Amino acid sequence: PIEEALVALAAAPGWVASRPTVVNQKRTVIGGYPDDLPDWE
C-alpha cells in the first residue's frame, strides 16, 4: 500500500521543483548479525 500510494503521488501533476521518484530497496547491513533485517529504504 505504501509503494502504490507513493507511485500515484509521484505520477500526479503539479510538481514545481522536480518530479519525485519512488524508492524500494533493501541493503544488507555490513557487520550485522545473520538474523538482522536488512535496511529497507
PDB file of all heavy atoms in Angstrom:
ATOM      1  N   PRO A   1       0.806  -1.226   0.000  1.00  0.00           N
ATOM      2  CA  PRO A   1       0.000   0.000   0.000  1.00  0.00           C
ATOM      3  C   PRO A   1       0.840   1.277   0.000  1.00  0.00           C
ATOM      4  O   PRO A   1       0.444   2.278  -0.610  1.00  0.00           O
ATOM      5  CB  PRO A   1      -0.857  -0.110   1.263  1.00  0.00           C
ATOM      6  CG  PRO A   1      -0.197  -1.124   2.122  1.00  0.00           C
ATOM      7  CD  PRO A   1       0.541  -2.035   1.196  1.00  0.00           C
ATOM      8  N   ILE A   2       1.991   1.255   0.661  1.00  0.00           N
ATOM      9  CA  ILE A   2       2.824   2.455   0.669  1.00  0.00           C
ATOM     10  C   ILE A   2       3.404   2.712  -0.718  1.00  0.00           C
ATOM     11  O   ILE A   2       3.347   3.832  -1.237  1.00  0.00           O
ATOM     12  CB  ILE A   2       3.940   2.357   1.735  1.00  0.00           C
ATOM     13  CG1 ILE A   2       3.324   2.484   3.130  1.00  0.00           C
ATOM     14  CG2 ILE A   2       5.009   3.425   1.507  1.00  0.00           C
ATOM     15  CD1 ILE A   2       4.279   2.291   4.278  1.00  0.00           C
ATOM     16  N   GLU A   3       3.949   1.673  -1.333  1.00  0.00           N
ATOM     17  CA  GLU A   3       4.532   1.865  -2.665  1.00  0.00           C
ATOM     18  C   GLU A   3       3.471   2.314  -3.661  1.00  0.00           C
ATOM     19  O   GLU A   3       3.697   3.226  -4.459  1.00  0.00           O
ATOM     20  CB  GLU A   3       5.220   0.588  -3.131  1.00  0.00           C
ATOM     21  CG  GLU A   3       5.993   0.784  -4.421  1.00  0.00           C
ATOM     22  CD  GLU A   3       6.841  -0.407  -4.786  1.00  0.00           C
ATOM     23  OE1 GLU A   3       6.478  -1.555  -4.448  1.00  0.00           O
ATOM     24  OE2 GLU A   3       7.873  -0.188  -5.430  1.00  0.00           O
ATOM     25  N   GLU A   4       2.310   1.719  -3.618  1.00  0.00           N
ATOM     26  CA  GLU A   4       1.210   2.095  -4.522  1.00  0.00           C
ATOM     27  C   GLU A   4       0.822   3.564  -4.334  1.00  0.00           C
ATOM     28  O   GLU A   4       0.657   4.311  -5.306  1.00  0.00           O
ATOM     29  CB  GLU A   4       0.014   1.198  -4.259  1.00  0.00           C
ATOM     30  CG  GLU A   4      -1.178   1.462  -5.151  1.00  0.00           C
ATOM     31  CD  GLU A   4      -2.332   0.529  -4.839  1.00  0.00           C
ATOM     32  OE1 GLU A   4      -2.112  -0.701  -4.766  1.00  0.00           O
ATOM     33  OE2 GLU A   4      -3.457   1.032  -4.666  1.00  0.00           O
ATOM     34  N   ALA A   5       0.699   3.992  -3.083  1.00  0.00           N
ATOM     35  CA  ALA A   5       0.327   5.380  -2.804  1.00  0.00           C
ATOM     36  C   ALA A   5       1.405   6.350  -3.270  1.00  0.00           C
ATOM     37  O   ALA A   5       1.103   7.420  -3.814  1.00  0.00           O
ATOM     38  CB  ALA A   5       0.058   5.558  -1.307  1.00  0.00           C
ATOM     39  N   LEU A   6       2.668   5.990  -3.080  1.00  0.00           N
ATOM     40  CA  LEU A   6       3.752   6.882  -3.474  1.00  0.00           C
ATOM     41  C   LEU A   6       3.939   6.942  -4.989  1.00  0.00           C
ATOM     42  O   LEU A   6       4.266   8.004  -5.530  1.00  0.00           O
ATOM     43  CB  LEU A   6       5.053   6.478  -2.776  1.00  0.00           C
ATOM     44  CG  LEU A   6       5.027   6.643  -1.254  1.00  0.00           C
ATOM     45  CD1 LEU A   6       6.346   6.184  -0.649  1.00  0.00           C
ATOM     46  CD2 LEU A   6       4.712   8.076  -0.850  1.00  0.00           C
ATOM     47  N   VAL A   7       3.713   5.832  -5.675  1.00  0.00           N
ATOM     48  CA  VAL A   7       3.776   5.842  -7.143  1.00  0.00           C
ATOM     49  C   VAL A   7       2.700   6.784  -7.694  1.00  0.00           C
ATOM     50  O   VAL A   7       2.956   7.586  -8.605  1.00  0.00           O
ATOM     51  CB  VAL A   7       3.640   4.410  -7.706  1.00  0.00           C
ATOM     52  CG1 VAL A   7       3.349   4.423  -9.205  1.00  0.00           C
ATOM     53  CG2 VAL A   7       4.911   3.606  -7.421  1.00  0.00           C
ATOM     54  N   ALA A   8       1.500   6.722  -7.129  1.00  0.00           N
ATOM     55  CA  ALA A   8       0.419   7.611  -7.559  1.00  0.00           C
ATOM     56  C   ALA A   8       0.761   9.069  -7.270  1.00  0.00           C
ATOM     57  O   ALA A   8       0.518   9.950  -8.106  1.00  0.00           O
ATOM     58  CB  ALA A   8      -0.892   7.221  -6.881  1.00  0.00           C
ATOM     59  N   LEU A   9       1.330   9.327  -6.105  1.00  0.00           N
ATOM     60  CA  LEU A   9       1.732  10.691  -5.752  1.00  0.00           C
ATOM     61  C   LEU A   9       2.770  11.211  -6.739  1.00  0.00           C
ATOM     62  O   LEU A   9       2.655  12.324  -7.253  1.00  0.00           O
ATOM     63  CB  LEU A   9       2.287  10.734  -4.317  1.00  0.00           C
ATOM     64  CG  LEU A   9       2.865  12.071  -3.861  1.00  0.00           C
ATOM     65  CD1 LEU A   9       1.783  13.145  -3.809  1.00  0.00           C
ATOM     66  CD2 LEU A   9       3.544  11.913  -2.503  1.00  0.00           C
ATOM     67  N   ALA A  10       3.800  10.435  -7.004  1.00  0.00           N
ATOM     68  CA  ALA A  10       4.880  10.870  -7.895  1.00  0.00           C
ATOM     69  C   ALA A  10       4.371  11.108  -9.318  1.00  0.00           C
ATOM     70  O   ALA A  10       4.873  11.992 -10.019  1.00  0.00           O
ATOM     71  CB  ALA A  10       6.003   9.840  -7.893  1.00  0.00           C
ATOM     72  N   ALA A  11       3.386  10.336  -9.753  1.00  0.00           N
ATOM     73  CA  ALA A  11       2.857  10.462 -11.106  1.00  0.00           C
ATOM     74  C   ALA A  11       1.886  11.633 -11.262  1.00  0.00           C
ATOM     75  O   ALA A  11       1.602  12.056 -12.391  1.00  0.00           O
ATOM     76  CB  ALA A  11       2.157   9.167 -11.511  1.00  0.00           C
ATOM     77  N   ALA A  12       1.400  12.158 -10.152  1.00  0.00           N
ATOM     78  CA  ALA A  12       0.424  13.242 -10.208  1.00  0.00           C
ATOM     79  C   ALA A  12       1.070  14.516 -10.762  1.00  0.00           C
ATOM     80  O   ALA A  12       2.259  14.761 -10.567  1.00  0.00           O
ATOM     81  CB  ALA A  12      -0.142  13.504  -8.810  1.00  0.00           C
ATOM     82  N   PRO A  13       0.283  15.335 -11.459  1.00  0.00           N
ATOM     83  CA  PRO A  13       0.827  16.589 -11.992  1.00  0.00           C
ATOM     84  C   PRO A  13       1.000  17.641 -10.903  1.00  0.00           C
ATOM     85  O   PRO A  13       0.531  17.471  -9.783  1.00  0.00           O
ATOM     86  CB  PRO A  13      -0.249  17.017 -12.995  1.00  0.00           C
ATOM     87  CG  PRO A  13      -1.515  16.418 -12.469  1.00  0.00           C
ATOM     88  CD  PRO A  13      -1.118  15.127 -11.813  1.00  0.00           C
ATOM     89  N   GLY A  14       1.685  18.716 -11.261  1.00  0.00           N
ATOM     90  CA  GLY A  14       1.749  19.880 -10.386  1.00  0.00           C
ATOM     91  C   GLY A  14       3.019  20.048  -9.585  1.00  0.00           C
ATOM     92  O   GLY A  14       3.082  20.909  -8.710  1.00  0.00           O
ATOM     93  N   TRP A  15       4.054  19.273  -9.853  1.00  0.00           N
ATOM     94  CA  TRP A  15       5.310  19.420  -9.125  1.00  0.00           C
ATOM     95  C   TRP A  15       6.023  20.675  -9.611  1.00  0.00           C
ATOM     96  O   TRP A  15       6.063  20.959 -10.813  1.00  0.00           O
ATOM     97  CB  TRP A  15       6.188  18.185  -9.309  1.00  0.00           C
ATOM     98  CG  TRP A  15       5.535  16.969  -8.727  1.00  0.00           C
ATOM     99  CD1 TRP A  15       4.863  15.999  -9.406  1.00  0.00           C
ATOM    100  CD2 TRP A  15       5.452  16.628  -7.345  1.00  0.00           C
ATOM    101  NE1 TRP A  15       4.365  15.064  -8.533  1.00  0.00           N
ATOM    102  CE2 TRP A  15       4.713  15.425  -7.250  1.00  0.00           C
ATOM    103  CE3 TRP A  15       5.927  17.206  -6.177  1.00  0.00           C
ATOM    104  CZ2 TRP A  15       4.444  14.798  -6.040  1.00  0.00           C
ATOM    105  CZ3 TRP A  15       5.666  16.598  -4.966  1.00  0.00           C
ATOM    106  CH2 TRP A  15       4.927  15.409  -4.904  1.00  0.00           C
ATOM    107  N   VAL A  16       6.600  21.433  -8.696  1.00  0.00           N
ATOM    108  CA  VAL A  16       7.239  22.702  -9.021  1.00  0.00           C
ATOM    109  C   VAL A  16       8.730  22.519  -9.297  1.00  0.00           C
ATOM    110  O   VAL A  16       9.227  22.923 -10.346  1.00  0.00           O
ATOM    111  CB  VAL A  16       7.032  23.735  -7.882  1.00  0.00           C
ATOM    112  CG1 VAL A  16       7.798  25.011  -8.156  1.00  0.00           C
ATOM    113  CG2 VAL A  16       5.546  24.009  -7.692  1.00  0.00           C
ATOM    114  N   ALA A  17       9.457  21.951  -8.357  1.00  0.00           N
ATOM    115  CA  ALA A  17      10.915  21.845  -8.483  1.00  0.00           C
ATOM    116  C   ALA A  17      11.321  20.653  -9.344  1.00  0.00           C
ATOM    117  O   ALA A  17      12.137  20.784 -10.254  1.00  0.00           O
ATOM    118  CB  ALA A  17      11.566  21.745  -7.107  1.00  0.00           C
ATOM    119  N   SER A  18      10.776  19.497  -9.044  1.00  0.00           N
ATOM    120  CA  SER A  18      11.080  18.285  -9.809  1.00  0.00           C
ATOM    121  C   SER A  18      10.056  17.218  -9.451  1.00  0.00           C
ATOM    122  O   SER A  18       9.411  17.293  -8.407  1.00  0.00           O
ATOM    123  CB  SER A  18      12.495  17.787  -9.506  1.00  0.00           C
ATOM    124  OG  SER A  18      12.617  17.377  -8.162  1.00  0.00           O
ATOM    125  N   ARG A  19       9.936  16.221 -10.308  1.00  0.00           N
ATOM    126  CA  ARG A  19       9.037  15.091 -10.030  1.00  0.00           C
ATOM    127  C   ARG A  19       9.792  14.127  -9.117  1.00  0.00           C
ATOM    128  O   ARG A  19      10.930  13.768  -9.400  1.00  0.00           O
ATOM    129  CB  ARG A  19       8.652  14.393 -11.324  1.00  0.00           C
ATOM    130  CG  ARG A  19       7.700  13.217 -11.114  1.00  0.00           C
ATOM    131  CD  ARG A  19       7.219  12.640 -12.430  1.00  0.00           C
ATOM    132  NE  ARG A  19       6.516  13.608 -13.253  1.00  0.00           N
ATOM    133  CZ  ARG A  19       5.235  13.976 -13.082  1.00  0.00           C
ATOM    134  NH1 ARG A  19       4.542  13.452 -12.102  1.00  0.00           N
ATOM    135  NH2 ARG A  19       4.677  14.848 -13.880  1.00  0.00           N
ATOM    136  N   PRO A  20       9.177  13.694  -8.023  1.00  0.00           N
ATOM    137  CA  PRO A  20       9.856  12.763  -7.115  1.00  0.00           C
ATOM    138  C   PRO A  20       9.950  11.363  -7.706  1.00  0.00           C
ATOM    139  O   PRO A  20       9.234  11.029  -8.654  1.00  0.00           O
ATOM    140  CB  PRO A  20       8.982  12.777  -5.861  1.00  0.00           C
ATOM    141  CG  PRO A  20       7.638  13.213  -6.328  1.00  0.00           C
ATOM    142  CD  PRO A  20       7.847  14.073  -7.535  1.00  0.00           C
ATOM    143  N   THR A  21      10.842  10.570  -7.140  1.00  0.00           N
ATOM    144  CA  THR A  21      10.978   9.171  -7.539  1.00  0.00           C
ATOM    145  C   THR A  21      10.728   8.285  -6.325  1.00  0.00           C
ATOM    146  O   THR A  21      11.107   8.617  -5.200  1.00  0.00           O
ATOM    147  CB  THR A  21      12.379   8.875  -8.099  1.00  0.00           C
ATOM    148  OG1 THR A  21      13.359   9.229  -7.134  1.00  0.00           O
ATOM    149  CG2 THR A  21      12.627   9.634  -9.380  1.00  0.00           C
ATOM    150  N   VAL A  22      10.099   7.151  -6.571  1.00  0.00           N
ATOM    151  CA  VAL A  22       9.795   6.199  -5.514  1.00  0.00           C
ATOM    152  C   VAL A  22      10.989   5.276  -5.328  1.00  0.00           C
ATOM    153  O   VAL A  22      11.618   4.849  -6.299  1.00  0.00           O
ATOM    154  CB  VAL A  22       8.520   5.404  -5.851  1.00  0.00           C
ATOM    155  CG1 VAL A  22       8.239   4.332  -4.804  1.00  0.00           C
ATOM    156  CG2 VAL A  22       7.331   6.352  -5.972  1.00  0.00           C
ATOM    157  N   VAL A  23      11.296   4.971  -4.061  1.00  0.00           N
ATOM    158  CA  VAL A  23      12.414   4.106  -3.708  1.00  0.00           C
ATOM    159  C   VAL A  23      11.877   2.897  -2.948  1.00  0.00           C
ATOM    160  O   VAL A  23      11.066   3.047  -2.042  1.00  0.00           O
ATOM    161  CB  VAL A  23      13.433   4.864  -2.821  1.00  0.00           C
ATOM    162  CG1 VAL A  23      14.552   3.958  -2.374  1.00  0.00           C
ATOM    163  CG2 VAL A  23      13.963   6.094  -3.530  1.00  0.00           C
ATOM    164  N   ASN A  24      12.356   1.720  -3.340  1.00  0.00           N
ATOM    165  CA  ASN A  24      12.028   0.492  -2.617  1.00  0.00           C
ATOM    166  C   ASN A  24      13.226  -0.439  -2.781  1.00  0.00           C
ATOM    167  O   ASN A  24      13.327  -1.165  -3.764  1.00  0.00           O
ATOM    168  CB  ASN A  24      10.757  -0.152  -3.158  1.00  0.00           C
ATOM    169  CG  ASN A  24      10.393  -1.416  -2.401  1.00  0.00           C
ATOM    170  OD1 ASN A  24      11.088  -1.837  -1.481  1.00  0.00           O
ATOM    171  ND2 ASN A  24       9.302  -2.037  -2.798  1.00  0.00           N
ATOM    172  N   GLN A  25      14.153  -0.345  -1.836  1.00  0.00           N
ATOM    173  CA  GLN A  25      15.355  -1.169  -1.923  1.00  0.00           C
ATOM    174  C   GLN A  25      15.797  -1.618  -0.545  1.00  0.00           C
ATOM    175  O   GLN A  25      15.647  -0.899   0.432  1.00  0.00           O
ATOM    176  CB  GLN A  25      16.483  -0.422  -2.628  1.00  0.00           C
ATOM    177  CG  GLN A  25      16.948   0.827  -1.909  1.00  0.00           C
ATOM    178  CD  GLN A  25      17.948   1.636  -2.727  1.00  0.00           C
ATOM    179  OE1 GLN A  25      18.129   1.394  -3.909  1.00  0.00           O
ATOM    180  NE2 GLN A  25      18.598   2.590  -2.099  1.00  0.00           N
ATOM    181  N   LYS A  26      16.350  -2.811  -0.519  1.00  0.00           N
ATOM    182  CA  LYS A  26      16.896  -3.363   0.725  1.00  0.00           C
ATOM    183  C   LYS A  26      18.410  -3.399   0.617  1.00  0.00           C
ATOM    184  O   LYS A  26      18.958  -3.698  -0.443  1.00  0.00           O
ATOM    185  CB  LYS A  26      16.386  -4.795   0.947  1.00  0.00           C
ATOM    186  CG  LYS A  26      14.913  -4.900   1.225  1.00  0.00           C
ATOM    187  CD  LYS A  26      14.519  -6.344   1.439  1.00  0.00           C
ATOM    188  CE  LYS A  26      13.028  -6.496   1.619  1.00  0.00           C
ATOM    189  NZ  LYS A  26      12.646  -7.898   1.848  1.00  0.00           N
ATOM    190  N   ARG A  27      19.056  -3.076   1.740  1.00  0.00           N
ATOM    191  CA  ARG A  27      20.523  -3.133   1.814  1.00  0.00           C
ATOM    192  C   ARG A  27      20.922  -3.988   2.998  1.00  0.00           C
ATOM    193  O   ARG A  27      20.434  -3.790   4.106  1.00  0.00           O
ATOM    194  CB  ARG A  27      21.111  -1.748   2.016  1.00  0.00           C
ATOM    195  CG  ARG A  27      20.889  -0.813   0.886  1.00  0.00           C
ATOM    196  CD  ARG A  27      21.603   0.463   1.187  1.00  0.00           C
ATOM    197  NE  ARG A  27      21.051   1.531   0.389  1.00  0.00           N
ATOM    198  CZ  ARG A  27      21.730   2.570   0.005  1.00  0.00           C
ATOM    199  NH1 ARG A  27      22.978   2.709   0.389  1.00  0.00           N
ATOM    200  NH2 ARG A  27      21.182   3.508  -0.708  1.00  0.00           N
ATOM    201  N   THR A  28      21.825  -4.911   2.764  1.00  0.00           N
ATOM    202  CA  THR A  28      22.341  -5.740   3.843  1.00  0.00           C
ATOM    203  C   THR A  28      23.279  -4.897   4.700  1.00  0.00           C
ATOM    204  O   THR A  28      24.103  -4.147   4.182  1.00  0.00           O
ATOM    205  CB  THR A  28      23.101  -6.955   3.275  1.00  0.00           C
ATOM    206  OG1 THR A  28      22.200  -7.676   2.437  1.00  0.00           O
ATOM    207  CG2 THR A  28      23.608  -7.848   4.379  1.00  0.00           C
ATOM    208  N   VAL A  29      23.131  -5.013   6.009  1.00  0.00           N
ATOM    209  CA  VAL A  29      23.972  -4.271   6.939  1.00  0.00           C
ATOM    210  C   VAL A  29      25.323  -4.979   7.034  1.00  0.00           C
ATOM    211  O   VAL A  29      25.394  -6.146   7.424  1.00  0.00           O
ATOM    212  CB  VAL A  29      23.310  -4.173   8.330  1.00  0.00           C
ATOM    213  CG1 VAL A  29      24.205  -3.437   9.309  1.00  0.00           C
ATOM    214  CG2 VAL A  29      21.954  -3.505   8.236  1.00  0.00           C
ATOM    215  N   ILE A  30      26.371  -4.276   6.673  1.00  0.00           N
ATOM    216  CA  ILE A  30      27.712  -4.851   6.748  1.00  0.00           C
ATOM    217  C   ILE A  30      28.122  -4.934   8.211  1.00  0.00           C
ATOM    218  O   ILE A  30      28.002  -3.970   8.965  1.00  0.00           O
ATOM    219  CB  ILE A  30      28.719  -3.996   5.947  1.00  0.00           C
ATOM    220  CG1 ILE A  30      28.319  -4.006   4.475  1.00  0.00           C
ATOM    221  CG2 ILE A  30      30.140  -4.507   6.137  1.00  0.00           C
ATOM    222  CD1 ILE A  30      29.096  -3.053   3.610  1.00  0.00           C
ATOM    223  N   GLY A  31      28.584  -6.111   8.612  1.00  0.00           N
ATOM    224  CA  GLY A  31      28.990  -6.306  10.001  1.00  0.00           C
ATOM    225  C   GLY A  31      27.832  -6.626  10.925  1.00  0.00           C
ATOM    226  O   GLY A  31      28.005  -6.691  12.136  1.00  0.00           O
ATOM    227  N   GLY A  32      26.655  -6.835  10.362  1.00  0.00           N
ATOM    228  CA  GLY A  32      25.492  -7.149  11.179  1.00  0.00           C
ATOM    229  C   GLY A  32      25.435  -8.630  11.522  1.00  0.00           C
ATOM    230  O   GLY A  32      26.296  -9.423  11.130  1.00  0.00           O
ATOM    231  N   TYR A  33      24.428  -8.977  12.260  1.00  0.00           N
ATOM    232  CA  TYR A  33      24.212 -10.373  12.651  1.00  0.00           C
ATOM    233  C   TYR A  33      23.366 -11.071  11.587  1.00  0.00           C
ATOM    234  O   TYR A  33      22.568 -10.427  10.903  1.00  0.00           O
ATOM    235  CB  TYR A  33      23.535 -10.441  14.013  1.00  0.00           C
ATOM    236  CG  TYR A  33      24.402  -9.900  15.120  1.00  0.00           C
ATOM    237  CD1 TYR A  33      24.238  -8.607  15.594  1.00  0.00           C
ATOM    238  CD2 TYR A  33      25.403 -10.691  15.666  1.00  0.00           C
ATOM    239  CE1 TYR A  33      25.057  -8.113  16.603  1.00  0.00           C
ATOM    240  CE2 TYR A  33      26.218 -10.205  16.669  1.00  0.00           C
ATOM    241  CZ  TYR A  33      26.043  -8.915  17.134  1.00  0.00           C
ATOM    242  OH  TYR A  33      26.857  -8.426  18.122  1.00  0.00           O
ATOM    243  N   PRO A  34      23.504 -12.377  11.469  1.00  0.00           N
ATOM    244  CA  PRO A  34      22.749 -13.117  10.435  1.00  0.00           C
ATOM    245  C   PRO A  34      21.236 -12.933  10.532  1.00  0.00           C
ATOM    246  O   PRO A  34      20.556 -12.947   9.511  1.00  0.00           O
ATOM    247  CB  PRO A  34      23.136 -14.572  10.673  1.00  0.00           C
ATOM    248  CG  PRO A  34      24.442 -14.520  11.385  1.00  0.00           C
ATOM    249  CD  PRO A  34      24.426 -13.246  12.193  1.00  0.00           C
ATOM    250  N   ASP A  35      20.700 -12.745  11.721  1.00  0.00           N
ATOM    251  CA  ASP A  35      19.255 -12.592  11.881  1.00  0.00           C
ATOM    252  C   ASP A  35      18.781 -11.146  11.742  1.00  0.00           C
ATOM    253  O   ASP A  35      17.573 -10.891  11.819  1.00  0.00           O
ATOM    254  CB  ASP A  35      18.818 -13.128  13.248  1.00  0.00           C
ATOM    255  CG  ASP A  35      18.962 -14.639  13.346  1.00  0.00           C
ATOM    256  OD1 ASP A  35      19.011 -15.301  12.280  1.00  0.00           O
ATOM    257  OD2 ASP A  35      19.039 -15.160  14.467  1.00  0.00           O
ATOM    258  N   ASP A  36      19.709 -10.190  11.548  1.00  0.00           N
ATOM    259  CA  ASP A  36      19.323  -8.794  11.391  1.00  0.00           C
ATOM    260  C   ASP A  36      18.527  -8.596  10.109  1.00  0.00           C
ATOM    261  O   ASP A  36      18.833  -9.195   9.072  1.00  0.00           O
ATOM    262  CB  ASP A  36      20.557  -7.880  11.327  1.00  0.00           C
ATOM    263  CG  ASP A  36      21.214  -7.673  12.674  1.00  0.00           C
ATOM    264  OD1 ASP A  36      20.629  -8.068  13.692  1.00  0.00           O
ATOM    265  OD2 ASP A  36      22.321  -7.110  12.693  1.00  0.00           O
ATOM    266  N   LEU A  37      17.506  -7.757  10.184  1.00  0.00           N
ATOM    267  CA  LEU A  37      16.767  -7.393   8.984  1.00  0.00           C
ATOM    268  C   LEU A  37      17.624  -6.448   8.147  1.00  0.00           C
ATOM    269  O   LEU A  37      18.364  -5.624   8.697  1.00  0.00           O
ATOM    270  CB  LEU A  37      15.462  -6.688   9.359  1.00  0.00           C
ATOM    271  CG  LEU A  37      14.407  -7.531  10.064  1.00  0.00           C
ATOM    272  CD1 LEU A  37      13.259  -6.648  10.526  1.00  0.00           C
ATOM    273  CD2 LEU A  37      13.896  -8.620   9.135  1.00  0.00           C
ATOM    274  N   PRO A  38      17.534  -6.524   6.836  1.00  0.00           N
ATOM    275  CA  PRO A  38      18.281  -5.572   6.010  1.00  0.00           C
ATOM    276  C   PRO A  38      17.683  -4.181   6.167  1.00  0.00           C
ATOM    277  O   PRO A  38      16.497  -4.032   6.503  1.00  0.00           O
ATOM    278  CB  PRO A  38      18.084  -6.098   4.592  1.00  0.00           C
ATOM    279  CG  PRO A  38      16.839  -6.917   4.655  1.00  0.00           C
ATOM    280  CD  PRO A  38      16.752  -7.470   6.051  1.00  0.00           C
ATOM    281  N   ASP A  39      18.505  -3.136   5.950  1.00  0.00           N
ATOM    282  CA  ASP A  39      17.969  -1.783   5.914  1.00  0.00           C
ATOM    283  C   ASP A  39      17.045  -1.704   4.707  1.00  0.00           C
ATOM    284  O   ASP A  39      17.423  -2.085   3.601  1.00  0.00           O
ATOM    285  CB  ASP A  39      19.088  -0.754   5.762  1.00  0.00           C
ATOM    286  CG  ASP A  39      19.842  -0.505   7.055  1.00  0.00           C
ATOM    287  OD1 ASP A  39      19.320  -0.870   8.122  1.00  0.00           O
ATOM    288  OD2 ASP A  39      20.942   0.055   6.998  1.00  0.00           O
ATOM    289  N   TRP A  40      15.831  -1.254   4.938  1.00  0.00           N
ATOM    290  CA  TRP A  40      14.849  -1.192   3.858  1.00  0.00           C
ATOM    291  C   TRP A  40      14.506   0.265   3.623  1.00  0.00           C
ATOM    292  O   TRP A  40      13.909   0.913   4.480  1.00  0.00           O
ATOM    293  CB  TRP A  40      13.618  -1.984   4.229  1.00  0.00           C
ATOM    294  CG  TRP A  40      12.688  -2.330   3.110  1.00  0.00           C
ATOM    295  CD1 TRP A  40      12.569  -1.696   1.897  1.00  0.00           C
ATOM    296  CD2 TRP A  40      11.736  -3.385   3.097  1.00  0.00           C
ATOM    297  NE1 TRP A  40      11.607  -2.293   1.141  1.00  0.00           N
ATOM    298  CE2 TRP A  40      11.087  -3.346   1.846  1.00  0.00           C
ATOM    299  CE3 TRP A  40      11.379  -4.358   4.013  1.00  0.00           C
ATOM    300  CZ2 TRP A  40      10.078  -4.239   1.508  1.00  0.00           C
ATOM    301  CZ3 TRP A  40      10.382  -5.244   3.670  1.00  0.00           C
ATOM    302  CH2 TRP A  40       9.742  -5.191   2.428  1.00  0.00           C
ATOM    303  N   GLU A  41      14.885   0.775   2.481  1.00  0.00           N
ATOM    304  CA  GLU A  41      14.555   2.137   2.097  1.00  0.00           C
ATOM    305  C   GLU A  41      13.287   2.082   1.251  1.00  0.00           C
ATOM    306  O   GLU A  41      13.309   1.640   0.102  1.00  0.00           O
ATOM    307  CB  GLU A  41      15.703   2.777   1.316  1.00  0.00           C
ATOM    308  CG  GLU A  41      16.950   2.948   2.162  1.00  0.00           C
ATOM    309  CD  GLU A  41      18.142   3.465   1.386  1.00  0.00           C
ATOM    310  OE1 GLU A  41      18.132   3.399   0.138  1.00  0.00           O
ATOM    311  OE2 GLU A  41      19.090   3.919   2.029  1.00  0.00           O
TER     312      GLU A  41
END
